[in-house]
């Protein structure tokens, strides 16, 4: 099913929209922790933290009952 049909104006599937929001929240948190600046040396840790949050979002996505009429 086309994501736009289910109401996402960005044209993303519900899963991709959730992942986008998860990454944005974690990047916002990392920037706040690091004084609004991410140094090149910090990228491995920032990437790790983003990966952890994406994994949590995917785990939550898999545990949800499927919505009526929507497939994943």
Foldseek 3Di string as FASTA:
>chain_A
DFCVVVPDPVRDNPLVVLLVVQLVVLVVVVCVVVVNDDDPVCVVVSVVSSVVSNVVSVVVVVPDDDDPPDDD
